[in-house]
Amino acid sequence: MRNFIALVAAALFLFTCSVSSLSAHDVYKEPLEVRYGLKTVSCKTCHPNSKDRSIHNAFGQYFADEFKGQEISKKYEAAQEAGEEQQKAYEEQMVISFNEVLKVVEKKKMTFEDLIKAGLLNGTRLEEKKD
C-alpha cells in the first residue's frame, strides 16, 4: 500500500511539473469577466479552436489587429523564464494594455453574421466543417 501511495505521489509530482504554464492569453480572461460581470470567459470567446490560438473568430480578430506586432506571447514567455516577479509585473502591464485596447474594440461594430461566426450569439452553435 505504501508503494502504491508513493507511486501516485510521484506521478502527481511529475504531472504537475510537466503541465504547461499559463499562457499570455489566459491573463485576459479576468479583465473581461470583471468589466462585463461575466461568470466565466473561455478561450472560445476569441478563438474558435482553442488548440490553435493563432486562429481568431471575428471578435478575437479585433484584438489581434490592435495587438499586431507587439509579440505579447514571446514577451510573456520571456517574463516567465525571468522569474515570478517579472511574470507578475508583465501580467500587470498586459492587463493595462488590454483594457486600453478593449476601449478601442468596444467602439467597433459586429454584424449579425460576425456574432454568429464568433459563437457569441446565445443559442447558436457553429457546425464543424468537414473536408
Protein backbone atom coordinates (compact mmCIF):
# COMPACT_ATOMS: atom_id res chain seq x y z
CA MET A 1 0.00 0.00 0.00
CA ARG A 2 2.83 2.42 0.85
CA ASN A 3 4.44 1.70 -2.51
CA PHE A 4 1.16 2.49 -4.25
CA ILE A 5 0.82 5.82 -2.40
CA ALA A 6 4.44 6.68 -3.17
CA LEU A 7 3.85 5.83 -6.84
CA VAL A 8 0.72 8.00 -7.00
CA ALA A 9 2.54 10.88 -5.27
CA ALA A 10 5.43 10.61 -7.71
CA ALA A 11 3.07 10.51 -10.68
CA LEU A 12 1.24 13.62 -9.44
CA PHE A 13 4.53 15.43 -8.94
CA LEU A 14 5.70 14.59 -12.47
CA PHE A 15 2.34 15.57 -13.91
CA THR A 16 2.45 18.90 -12.09
CA CYS A 17 5.94 19.58 -13.38
CA SER A 18 5.01 18.69 -16.94
CA VAL A 19 1.81 20.75 -17.20
CA SER A 20 2.39 23.75 -19.42
CA SER A 21 2.38 27.09 -17.71
CA LEU A 22 -0.18 29.82 -18.03
CA SER A 23 -0.27 31.36 -21.48
CA ALA A 24 -0.34 35.06 -22.20
CA HIS A 25 -3.93 34.79 -23.36
CA ASP A 26 -5.14 33.46 -20.01
CA VAL A 27 -4.24 36.80 -18.41
CA TYR A 28 -7.03 38.44 -20.42
CA LYS A 29 -9.87 36.33 -19.04
CA GLU A 30 -10.24 38.13 -15.71
CA PRO A 31 -10.37 41.67 -17.17
CA LEU A 32 -13.25 40.57 -19.42
CA GLU A 33 -15.05 38.89 -16.54
CA VAL A 34 -14.65 41.95 -14.31
CA ARG A 35 -15.51 44.57 -16.94
CA TYR A 36 -18.71 42.84 -18.07
CA GLY A 37 -19.71 40.97 -14.92
CA LEU A 38 -19.25 37.59 -16.59
CA LYS A 39 -19.13 34.37 -14.63
CA THR A 40 -16.53 32.83 -16.95
CA VAL A 41 -14.69 33.56 -20.17
CA SER A 42 -13.29 30.75 -22.26
CA CYS A 43 -10.68 30.70 -24.99
CA LYS A 44 -13.52 30.28 -27.49
CA THR A 45 -14.56 33.87 -26.86
CA CYS A 46 -11.78 34.86 -29.27
CA HIS A 47 -10.60 31.53 -30.74
CA PRO A 48 -12.93 29.06 -32.45
CA ASN A 49 -10.32 26.35 -31.97
CA SER A 50 -8.76 26.62 -28.50
CA LYS A 51 -5.96 24.25 -29.55
CA ASP A 52 -4.66 26.73 -32.13
CA ARG A 53 -4.77 30.19 -30.68
CA SER A 54 -3.37 31.73 -33.84
CA ILE A 55 -6.85 31.37 -35.36
CA HIS A 56 -9.30 34.10 -34.33
CA ASN A 57 -13.03 34.47 -34.69
CA ALA A 58 -14.43 37.88 -35.71
CA PHE A 59 -14.37 39.17 -32.13
CA GLY A 60 -10.85 37.92 -31.44
CA GLN A 61 -9.60 39.39 -34.71
CA TYR A 62 -10.36 42.88 -33.39
CA PHE A 63 -7.90 42.27 -30.56
CA ALA A 64 -5.35 40.59 -32.84
CA ASP A 65 -5.41 43.65 -35.10
CA GLU A 66 -4.87 46.03 -32.19
CA PHE A 67 -2.03 43.97 -30.69
CA LYS A 68 -0.38 43.21 -34.05
CA GLY A 69 3.42 43.32 -33.97
CA GLN A 70 3.70 43.52 -30.17
CA GLU A 71 4.79 39.86 -29.76
CA ILE A 72 2.93 39.57 -26.47
CA SER A 73 3.26 35.78 -26.22
CA LYS A 74 7.03 35.86 -26.75
CA LYS A 75 7.46 38.64 -24.20
CA TYR A 76 5.28 36.76 -21.74
CA GLU A 77 7.33 33.58 -22.14
CA ALA A 78 10.50 35.61 -21.54
CA ALA A 79 8.97 37.13 -18.40
CA GLN A 80 8.02 33.65 -17.16
CA GLU A 81 11.58 32.44 -17.69
CA ALA A 82 12.94 35.50 -15.87
CA GLY A 83 11.05 34.61 -12.70
CA GLU A 84 7.84 35.10 -10.81
CA GLU A 85 8.36 38.83 -10.11
CA GLN A 86 8.95 39.64 -13.78
CA GLN A 87 5.99 37.50 -14.80
CA LYS A 88 3.63 39.27 -12.40
CA ALA A 89 4.94 42.69 -13.45
CA TYR A 90 4.43 41.85 -17.13
CA GLU A 91 0.95 40.46 -16.42
CA GLU A 92 0.00 43.76 -14.77
CA GLN A 93 1.24 45.65 -17.84
CA MET A 94 -0.66 43.25 -20.11
CA VAL A 95 -3.92 43.94 -18.25
CA ILE A 96 -3.39 47.70 -18.53
CA SER A 97 -2.71 47.38 -22.28
CA PHE A 98 -5.66 45.02 -22.72
CA ASN A 99 -8.04 47.41 -21.01
CA GLU A 100 -6.89 50.21 -23.32
CA VAL A 101 -7.36 48.01 -26.40
CA LEU A 102 -10.74 46.92 -25.06
CA LYS A 103 -11.91 50.55 -25.22
CA VAL A 104 -10.98 50.63 -28.91
CA VAL A 105 -12.59 47.26 -29.63
CA GLU A 106 -15.81 48.31 -27.87
CA LYS A 107 -16.27 51.06 -30.46
CA LYS A 108 -16.20 48.58 -33.34
CA LYS A 109 -19.40 47.11 -34.69
CA MET A 110 -20.06 43.44 -35.30
CA THR A 111 -22.62 42.34 -37.84
CA PHE A 112 -25.16 39.65 -37.05
CA GLU A 113 -23.07 37.28 -39.18
CA ASP A 114 -19.94 38.22 -37.20
CA LEU A 115 -21.73 37.44 -33.93
CA ILE A 116 -22.77 34.02 -35.19
CA LYS A 117 -19.32 33.20 -36.58
CA ALA A 118 -17.73 34.32 -33.33
CA GLY A 119 -20.02 31.98 -31.40
CA LEU A 120 -21.25 34.96 -29.41
CA LEU A 121 -24.94 34.74 -30.28
CA ASN A 122 -26.62 32.89 -27.45
CA GLY A 123 -28.31 29.70 -28.56
CA THR A 124 -26.32 29.23 -31.76
CA ARG A 125 -23.55 26.78 -32.43
CA LEU A 126 -21.34 26.57 -35.49
CA GLU A 127 -21.18 23.31 -37.37
CA GLU A 128 -17.78 21.73 -37.67
CA LYS A 129 -16.77 21.93 -41.30
CA LYS A 130 -15.73 18.60 -42.74
CA ASP A 131 -13.27 18.47 -45.62
